[in-house]
């Protein structure tokens, strides 16, 4: 009679130990996931994009706008992750009266540290001017912000030219290993 309760007591103790081990394993798994996510965010924040022609949140020179040569500015990209296989670049204006206006879409850019002025570094997509090229800042009124967003991808997309920004963003989902942005400003003189 004494052994029966002792056996149940031991089994109960074993079950409790199993539950504790399971709880510890789950906590360790969650901590590991958090650390991996933090590492991924850390890697994303390391990549940089800059331009020798203008600084972040500074005016874009007229040369790179519709009032000048309407050519793309030089861009410098640094700290691209080692696992990047290609780059993509989107330039858009969130201050446009009709909503976000797309100025340039380029993808399958080789992993480079520099995009030269007046240069097509990859395959061009469609912009909102109805063209497949760089369309410089040309705000109808006021000062607008122009976001130069570079994405490091773990694949080469291998798609035809003319892809729209929204389609490119869908294709990039799950393949972005880092992202960086540069904001330039422009206001037309009247």
C-alpha atoms as a PDB file:
ATOM      1  CA  UNK A   1       0.000   0.000   0.000  1.00  0.00           C
ATOM      2  CA  UNK A   2       2.859   2.347   0.707  1.00  0.00           C
ATOM      3  CA  UNK A   3       4.382   1.717  -2.759  1.00  0.00           C
ATOM      4  CA  UNK A   4       1.357   2.771  -4.802  1.00  0.00           C
ATOM      5  CA  UNK A   5       1.296   6.378  -3.616  1.00  0.00           C
ATOM      6  CA  UNK A   6       5.082   6.524  -3.893  1.00  0.00           C
ATOM      7  CA  UNK A   7       4.931   5.371  -7.549  1.00  0.00           C
ATOM      8  CA  UNK A   8       2.299   8.003  -8.366  1.00  0.00           C
ATOM      9  CA  UNK A   9       4.308  10.593  -6.488  1.00  0.00           C
ATOM     10  CA  UNK A  10       7.435   9.738  -8.534  1.00  0.00           C
ATOM     11  CA  UNK A  11       5.488   9.840 -11.817  1.00  0.00           C
ATOM     12  CA  UNK A  12       3.986  13.182 -10.864  1.00  0.00           C
ATOM     13  CA  UNK A  13       7.460  14.484 -10.015  1.00  0.00           C
ATOM     14  CA  UNK A  14       8.763  13.221 -13.407  1.00  0.00           C
ATOM     15  CA  UNK A  15       5.892  14.929 -15.236  1.00  0.00           C
ATOM     16  CA  UNK A  16       6.611  18.194 -13.399  1.00  0.00           C
ATOM     17  CA  UNK A  17      10.307  17.913 -14.335  1.00  0.00           C
ATOM     18  CA  UNK A  18       9.353  17.269 -17.968  1.00  0.00           C
ATOM     19  CA  UNK A  19       7.114  20.357 -17.950  1.00  0.00           C
ATOM     20  CA  UNK A  20       9.902  22.451 -16.425  1.00  0.00           C
ATOM     21  CA  UNK A  21      12.341  21.223 -19.084  1.00  0.00           C
ATOM     22  CA  UNK A  22       9.820  22.002 -21.806  1.00  0.00           C
ATOM     23  CA  UNK A  23       9.244  25.497 -20.403  1.00  0.00           C
ATOM     24  CA  UNK A  24      12.994  26.141 -20.213  1.00  0.00           C
ATOM     25  CA  UNK A  25      13.402  24.910 -23.819  1.00  0.00           C
ATOM     26  CA  UNK A  26      10.613  27.225 -25.022  1.00  0.00           C
ATOM     27  CA  UNK A  27      12.131  30.214 -23.236  1.00  0.00           C
ATOM     28  CA  UNK A  28      15.563  29.444 -24.707  1.00  0.00           C
ATOM     29  CA  UNK A  29      14.041  29.129 -28.177  1.00  0.00           C
ATOM     30  CA  UNK A  30      12.280  32.498 -27.816  1.00  0.00           C
ATOM     31  CA  UNK A  31      15.465  34.177 -26.587  1.00  0.00           C
ATOM     32  CA  UNK A  32      17.394  32.700 -29.528  1.00  0.00           C
ATOM     33  CA  UNK A  33      14.752  33.946 -31.970  1.00  0.00           C
ATOM     34  CA  UNK A  34      14.909  37.416 -30.446  1.00  0.00           C
ATOM     35  CA  UNK A  35      18.689  37.462 -30.750  1.00  0.00           C
ATOM     36  CA  UNK A  36      18.546  36.326 -34.381  1.00  0.00           C
ATOM     37  CA  UNK A  37      15.940  39.005 -35.162  1.00  0.00           C
ATOM     38  CA  UNK A  38      18.067  41.611 -33.416  1.00  0.00           C
ATOM     39  CA  UNK A  39      21.085  40.487 -35.458  1.00  0.00           C
ATOM     40  CA  UNK A  40      19.104  40.777 -38.692  1.00  0.00           C
ATOM     41  CA  UNK A  41      17.936  44.288 -37.780  1.00  0.00           C
ATOM     42  CA  UNK A  42      21.485  45.181 -36.806  1.00  0.00           C
ATOM     43  CA  UNK A  43      22.742  44.018 -40.214  1.00  0.00           C
ATOM     44  CA  UNK A  44      20.017  46.034 -41.969  1.00  0.00           C
ATOM     45  CA  UNK A  45      21.024  49.161 -40.098  1.00  0.00           C
ATOM     46  CA  UNK A  46      24.680  48.783 -41.127  1.00  0.00           C
ATOM     47  CA  UNK A  47      24.197  49.271 -44.876  1.00  0.00           C
ATOM     48  CA  UNK A  48      24.401  52.913 -45.926  1.00  0.00           C
ATOM     49  CA  UNK A  49      23.585  54.988 -48.984  1.00  0.00           C
ATOM     50  CA  UNK A  50      24.965  58.492 -49.510  1.00  0.00           C
ATOM     51  CA  UNK A  51      25.669  60.888 -52.334  1.00  0.00           C
ATOM     52  CA  UNK A  52      28.720  63.085 -52.847  1.00  0.00           C
ATOM     53  CA  UNK A  53      26.317  65.553 -54.551  1.00  0.00           C
ATOM     54  CA  UNK A  54      24.030  66.172 -51.532  1.00  0.00           C
ATOM     55  CA  UNK A  55      23.619  65.145 -47.918  1.00  0.00           C
ATOM     56  CA  UNK A  56      20.773  63.447 -46.079  1.00  0.00           C
ATOM     57  CA  UNK A  57      17.784  65.821 -45.764  1.00  0.00           C
ATOM     58  CA  UNK A  58      19.663  68.427 -47.818  1.00  0.00           C
ATOM     59  CA  UNK A  59      18.786  70.011 -51.170  1.00  0.00           C
ATOM     60  CA  UNK A  60      19.396  68.072 -54.379  1.00  0.00           C
ATOM     61  CA  UNK A  61      21.427  70.126 -56.896  1.00  0.00           C
ATOM     62  CA  UNK A  62      19.461  71.442 -59.897  1.00  0.00           C
ATOM     63  CA  UNK A  63      21.648  69.355 -62.242  1.00  0.00           C
ATOM     64  CA  UNK A  64      19.811  66.191 -61.093  1.00  0.00           C
ATOM     65  CA  UNK A  65      16.280  67.618 -61.531  1.00  0.00           C
ATOM     66  CA  UNK A  66      13.879  68.433 -64.358  1.00  0.00           C
ATOM     67  CA  UNK A  67      15.152  72.020 -64.155  1.00  0.00           C
ATOM     68  CA  UNK A  68      18.696  70.884 -64.955  1.00  0.00           C
ATOM     69  CA  UNK A  69      20.167  67.895 -66.775  1.00  0.00           C
ATOM     70  CA  UNK A  70      17.571  65.453 -65.365  1.00  0.00           C
ATOM     71  CA  UNK A  71      20.327  62.894 -64.755  1.00  0.00           C
ATOM     72  CA  UNK A  72      20.689  60.597 -61.772  1.00  0.00           C
ATOM     73  CA  UNK A  73      23.036  61.740 -59.011  1.00  0.00           C
ATOM     74  CA  UNK A  74      26.067  59.687 -57.988  1.00  0.00           C
ATOM     75  CA  UNK A  75      25.352  57.340 -55.096  1.00  0.00           C
ATOM     76  CA  UNK A  76      27.685  55.531 -52.719  1.00  0.00           C
ATOM     77  CA  UNK A  77      26.599  52.293 -51.064  1.00  0.00           C
ATOM     78  CA  UNK A  78      28.565  50.881 -48.161  1.00  0.00           C
ATOM     79  CA  UNK A  79      28.455  47.935 -45.767  1.00  0.00           C
ATOM     80  CA  UNK A  80      26.440  45.703 -48.091  1.00  0.00           C
ATOM     81  CA  UNK A  81      25.978  42.296 -46.400  1.00  0.00           C
ATOM     82  CA  UNK A  82      28.182  39.499 -47.729  1.00  0.00           C
ATOM     83  CA  UNK A  83      25.152  37.353 -48.617  1.00  0.00           C
ATOM     84  CA  UNK A  84      23.738  39.985 -51.011  1.00  0.00           C
ATOM     85  CA  UNK A  85      23.509  38.760 -54.626  1.00  0.00           C
ATOM     86  CA  UNK A  86      22.039  41.931 -56.143  1.00  0.00           C
ATOM     87  CA  UNK A  87      20.802  45.420 -55.313  1.00  0.00           C
ATOM     88  CA  UNK A  88      17.579  47.236 -56.160  1.00  0.00           C
ATOM     89  CA  UNK A  89      16.973  50.985 -56.052  1.00  0.00           C
ATOM     90  CA  UNK A  90      13.687  52.863 -55.804  1.00  0.00           C
ATOM     91  CA  UNK A  91      13.475  56.653 -55.857  1.00  0.00           C
ATOM     92  CA  UNK A  92      10.121  58.148 -54.968  1.00  0.00           C
ATOM     93  CA  UNK A  93       8.424  61.306 -53.729  1.00  0.00           C
ATOM     94  CA  UNK A  94       5.844  60.821 -50.958  1.00  0.00           C
ATOM     95  CA  UNK A  95       4.884  64.511 -51.063  1.00  0.00           C
ATOM     96  CA  UNK A  96       3.384  64.455 -54.569  1.00  0.00           C
ATOM     97  CA  UNK A  97      -0.208  65.765 -54.714  1.00  0.00           C
ATOM     98  CA  UNK A  98      -1.539  62.515 -56.248  1.00  0.00           C
ATOM     99  CA  UNK A  99       0.236  60.273 -53.711  1.00  0.00           C
ATOM    100  CA  UNK A 100       3.662  58.659 -53.909  1.00  0.00           C
ATOM    101  CA  UNK A 101       5.312  59.480 -57.247  1.00  0.00           C
ATOM    102  CA  UNK A 102       7.911  57.015 -58.508  1.00  0.00           C
ATOM    103  CA  UNK A 103      10.976  58.609 -60.128  1.00  0.00           C
ATOM    104  CA  UNK A 104      13.256  55.624 -60.715  1.00  0.00           C
ATOM    105  CA  UNK A 105      13.128  51.857 -60.384  1.00  0.00           C
ATOM    106  CA  UNK A 106      16.293  49.816 -60.987  1.00  0.00           C
ATOM    107  CA  UNK A 107      16.906  46.168 -60.095  1.00  0.00           C
ATOM    108  CA  UNK A 108      19.410  43.361 -60.680  1.00  0.00           C
ATOM    109  CA  UNK A 109      22.151  45.861 -59.941  1.00  0.00           C
ATOM    110  CA  UNK A 110      25.422  44.005 -59.313  1.00  0.00           C
ATOM    111  CA  UNK A 111      26.663  44.413 -55.747  1.00  0.00           C
ATOM    112  CA  UNK A 112      28.610  47.662 -56.135  1.00  0.00           C
ATOM    113  CA  UNK A 113      29.802  50.409 -53.853  1.00  0.00           C
ATOM    114  CA  UNK A 114      29.083  53.235 -56.292  1.00  0.00           C
ATOM    115  CA  UNK A 115      26.477  54.212 -58.865  1.00  0.00           C
ATOM    116  CA  UNK A 116      27.918  56.881 -61.122  1.00  0.00           C
ATOM    117  CA  UNK A 117      26.078  60.012 -62.172  1.00  0.00           C
ATOM    118  CA  UNK A 118      24.087  59.697 -65.408  1.00  0.00           C
ATOM    119  CA  UNK A 119      24.517  55.918 -65.323  1.00  0.00           C
ATOM    120  CA  UNK A 120      22.118  52.973 -65.548  1.00  0.00           C
ATOM    121  CA  UNK A 121      23.476  50.418 -63.065  1.00  0.00           C
ATOM    122  CA  UNK A 122      20.967  47.612 -63.701  1.00  0.00           C
ATOM    123  CA  UNK A 123      17.624  46.848 -65.321  1.00  0.00           C
ATOM    124  CA  UNK A 124      15.196  49.764 -65.244  1.00  0.00           C
ATOM    125  CA  UNK A 125      11.589  49.475 -64.231  1.00  0.00           C
ATOM    126  CA  UNK A 126       8.692  51.786 -64.976  1.00  0.00           C
ATOM    127  CA  UNK A 127       8.421  55.184 -63.319  1.00  0.00           C
ATOM    128  CA  UNK A 128       5.339  57.381 -62.973  1.00  0.00           C
ATOM    129  CA  UNK A 129       6.432  59.567 -65.893  1.00  0.00           C
ATOM    130  CA  UNK A 130       5.537  56.593 -68.104  1.00  0.00           C
ATOM    131  CA  UNK A 131       9.192  55.905 -68.899  1.00  0.00           C
ATOM    132  CA  UNK A 132      11.857  53.391 -67.977  1.00  0.00           C
ATOM    133  CA  UNK A 133      14.569  55.759 -66.829  1.00  0.00           C
ATOM    134  CA  UNK A 134      15.473  58.274 -64.144  1.00  0.00           C
ATOM    135  CA  UNK A 135      13.000  61.134 -63.839  1.00  0.00           C
ATOM    136  CA  UNK A 136      14.496  63.846 -61.672  1.00  0.00           C
ATOM    137  CA  UNK A 137      12.705  65.837 -58.987  1.00  0.00           C
ATOM    138  CA  UNK A 138      10.099  68.146 -60.504  1.00  0.00           C
ATOM    139  CA  UNK A 139       7.627  69.175 -57.785  1.00  0.00           C
ATOM    140  CA  UNK A 140       4.606  71.179 -58.982  1.00  0.00           C
ATOM    141  CA  UNK A 141       4.769  73.321 -55.849  1.00  0.00           C
ATOM    142  CA  UNK A 142       6.599  73.558 -52.550  1.00  0.00           C
ATOM    143  CA  UNK A 143       9.510  71.549 -51.223  1.00  0.00           C
ATOM    144  CA  UNK A 144       9.343  67.789 -51.696  1.00  0.00           C
ATOM    145  CA  UNK A 145      11.322  64.911 -50.208  1.00  0.00           C
ATOM    146  CA  UNK A 146      12.919  62.341 -52.502  1.00  0.00           C
ATOM    147  CA  UNK A 147      13.687  58.947 -51.000  1.00  0.00           C
ATOM    148  CA  UNK A 148      16.584  57.014 -52.550  1.00  0.00           C
ATOM    149  CA  UNK A 149      16.012  53.504 -51.167  1.00  0.00           C
ATOM    150  CA  UNK A 150      18.556  50.780 -51.823  1.00  0.00           C
ATOM    151  CA  UNK A 151      17.817  47.128 -51.059  1.00  0.00           C
ATOM    152  CA  UNK A 152      20.350  44.309 -50.788  1.00  0.00           C
ATOM    153  CA  UNK A 153      18.743  41.081 -51.999  1.00  0.00           C
ATOM    154  CA  UNK A 154      19.803  37.487 -51.498  1.00  0.00           C
ATOM    155  CA  UNK A 155      18.841  36.674 -55.111  1.00  0.00           C
ATOM    156  CA  UNK A 156      19.090  38.123 -58.596  1.00  0.00           C
ATOM    157  CA  UNK A 157      15.527  38.693 -59.815  1.00  0.00           C
ATOM    158  CA  UNK A 158      16.133  37.894 -63.518  1.00  0.00           C
ATOM    159  CA  UNK A 159      13.016  39.647 -64.828  1.00  0.00           C
ATOM    160  CA  UNK A 160      12.450  41.772 -67.907  1.00  0.00           C
ATOM    161  CA  UNK A 161      12.723  45.545 -67.842  1.00  0.00           C
ATOM    162  CA  UNK A 162       9.690  47.698 -67.145  1.00  0.00           C
ATOM    163  CA  UNK A 163       8.614  46.234 -63.798  1.00  0.00           C
ATOM    164  CA  UNK A 164       6.533  48.684 -61.727  1.00  0.00           C
ATOM    165  CA  UNK A 165       7.545  49.610 -58.169  1.00  0.00           C
ATOM    166  CA  UNK A 166       4.659  47.666 -56.591  1.00  0.00           C
ATOM    167  CA  UNK A 167       5.535  44.513 -58.538  1.00  0.00           C
ATOM    168  CA  UNK A 168       9.210  44.864 -57.656  1.00  0.00           C
ATOM    169  CA  UNK A 169       8.342  45.200 -53.968  1.00  0.00           C
ATOM    170  CA  UNK A 170       6.312  41.967 -54.159  1.00  0.00           C
ATOM    171  CA  UNK A 171       9.194  40.157 -55.891  1.00  0.00           C
ATOM    172  CA  UNK A 172      11.623  41.349 -53.209  1.00  0.00           C
ATOM    173  CA  UNK A 173       9.492  40.081 -50.300  1.00  0.00           C
ATOM    174  CA  UNK A 174      11.441  37.561 -48.252  1.00  0.00           C
ATOM    175  CA  UNK A 175      14.688  38.350 -50.091  1.00  0.00           C
ATOM    176  CA  UNK A 176      15.701  41.690 -48.544  1.00  0.00           C
ATOM    177  CA  UNK A 177      18.809  41.210 -46.400  1.00  0.00           C
ATOM    178  CA  UNK A 178      19.433  44.931 -45.846  1.00  0.00           C
ATOM    179  CA  UNK A 179      17.931  48.306 -46.706  1.00  0.00           C
ATOM    180  CA  UNK A 180      19.184  51.876 -46.533  1.00  0.00           C
ATOM    181  CA  UNK A 181      17.783  55.224 -47.572  1.00  0.00           C
ATOM    182  CA  UNK A 182      18.894  58.715 -48.396  1.00  0.00           C
ATOM    183  CA  UNK A 183      16.453  61.622 -48.465  1.00  0.00           C
ATOM    184  CA  UNK A 184      17.091  64.612 -50.700  1.00  0.00           C
ATOM    185  CA  UNK A 185      14.999  67.778 -50.899  1.00  0.00           C
ATOM    186  CA  UNK A 186      14.007  69.910 -53.870  1.00  0.00           C
ATOM    187  CA  UNK A 187      11.880  72.996 -54.436  1.00  0.00           C
ATOM    188  CA  UNK A 188      11.575  74.654 -57.825  1.00  0.00           C
ATOM    189  CA  UNK A 189      12.405  78.345 -58.128  1.00  0.00           C
ATOM    190  CA  UNK A 190       9.571  80.259 -59.774  1.00  0.00           C
END
